[in-house]
Amino acid sequence: MRIISADLPGLPRRLLRRAELAFYRIPPVIAGLPARRAGQTTIEYLLLLAIVAGVAAMMAVLFHRRILGGIFTIVGMIIGAGQPK
């Protein structure tokens, strides 16, 4: 995220650039928080993916009849659209 002089009209561009550089020099470990371990992002992504897949599977089991009915309704409309009345 870049700081633009239009956001803070009273400050010169040079000062804003220095503030932006100082902001990005802040180390990632702040206030005693532990550093991220190698592979932690991958594990978090896989856990999130498992949750989303589980919820999708539960919705498919709960509403499979409505889902199939909707699919067949759309297919019927497509097939019926090509026949003259």
Protein backbone atom coordinates (compact mmCIF):
# COMPACT_ATOMS: atom_id res chain seq x y z
CA MET A 1 0.00 0.00 0.00
CA ARG A 2 1.56 3.25 -1.08
CA ILE A 3 0.95 6.50 0.69
CA ILE A 4 -0.19 9.14 -1.79
CA SER A 5 0.19 12.86 -1.16
CA ALA A 6 -3.51 13.35 -1.91
CA ASP A 7 -4.29 11.34 1.23
CA LEU A 8 -2.35 13.79 3.43
CA PRO A 9 -2.31 17.14 1.61
CA GLY A 10 -0.28 19.05 4.24
CA LEU A 11 2.85 16.88 4.05
CA PRO A 12 5.48 17.10 1.33
CA ARG A 13 6.02 14.10 -0.89
CA ARG A 14 9.59 13.60 0.37
CA LEU A 15 8.46 13.24 3.97
CA LEU A 16 5.71 10.81 2.97
CA ARG A 17 8.25 8.69 1.08
CA ARG A 18 10.51 8.55 4.16
CA ALA A 19 7.58 7.51 6.35
CA GLU A 20 6.66 4.80 3.87
CA LEU A 21 10.23 3.44 3.82
CA ALA A 22 10.37 3.45 7.61
CA PHE A 23 7.09 1.56 7.77
CA TYR A 24 8.38 -1.23 5.53
CA ARG A 25 11.57 -1.55 7.61
CA ILE A 26 9.60 -2.65 10.69
CA PRO A 27 10.62 -6.22 11.47
CA PRO A 28 7.95 -8.92 11.11
CA VAL A 29 8.30 -10.02 14.75
CA ILE A 30 6.49 -7.34 16.76
CA ALA A 31 5.60 -7.24 20.46
CA GLY A 32 7.02 -10.67 21.24
CA LEU A 33 4.92 -12.58 18.71
CA PRO A 34 6.68 -15.76 17.61
CA ALA A 35 8.04 -15.91 14.07
CA ARG A 36 6.13 -18.07 11.60
CA ARG A 37 7.53 -21.55 11.20
CA ALA A 38 8.49 -22.98 7.85
CA GLY A 39 5.46 -24.69 6.29
CA GLN A 40 2.93 -23.00 8.56
CA THR A 41 1.30 -21.18 5.64
CA THR A 42 0.91 -24.46 3.73
CA ILE A 43 -0.70 -26.19 6.71
CA GLU A 44 -3.08 -23.27 7.27
CA TYR A 45 -4.04 -23.32 3.59
CA LEU A 46 -4.69 -27.07 3.66
CA LEU A 47 -6.80 -26.76 6.83
CA LEU A 48 -8.85 -23.98 5.24
CA LEU A 49 -9.27 -26.07 2.09
CA ALA A 50 -10.41 -29.05 4.19
CA ILE A 51 -13.02 -26.91 5.96
CA VAL A 52 -14.38 -25.53 2.68
CA ALA A 53 -14.48 -29.02 1.12
CA GLY A 54 -16.23 -30.42 4.22
CA VAL A 55 -18.89 -27.71 4.18
CA ALA A 56 -19.42 -28.22 0.44
CA ALA A 57 -19.78 -31.99 0.98
CA MET A 58 -22.31 -31.45 3.79
CA MET A 59 -24.36 -29.08 1.61
CA ALA A 60 -24.27 -31.60 -1.25
CA VAL A 61 -25.54 -34.37 1.05
CA LEU A 62 -28.26 -32.19 2.57
CA PHE A 63 -29.52 -30.65 -0.67
CA HIS A 64 -28.66 -33.24 -3.34
CA ARG A 65 -32.27 -33.63 -4.45
CA ARG A 66 -32.75 -29.91 -4.94
CA ILE A 67 -29.40 -29.63 -6.71
CA LEU A 68 -30.24 -32.47 -9.11
CA GLY A 69 -33.72 -31.05 -9.66
CA GLY A 70 -32.23 -27.68 -10.58
CA ILE A 71 -29.72 -29.25 -12.95
CA PHE A 72 -32.41 -31.30 -14.71
CA THR A 73 -34.67 -28.26 -14.91
CA ILE A 74 -31.93 -26.29 -16.69
CA VAL A 75 -31.16 -29.23 -19.00
CA GLY A 76 -34.87 -29.56 -19.83
CA MET A 77 -35.10 -25.86 -20.62
CA ILE A 78 -32.08 -26.09 -22.92
CA ILE A 79 -33.36 -29.20 -24.73
CA GLY A 80 -36.90 -27.83 -24.93
CA ALA A 81 -35.73 -24.51 -26.33
CA GLY A 82 -34.72 -26.11 -29.65
CA GLN A 83 -38.12 -27.67 -30.39
CA PRO A 84 -40.87 -25.75 -32.14
CA LYS A 85 -44.14 -25.16 -30.29
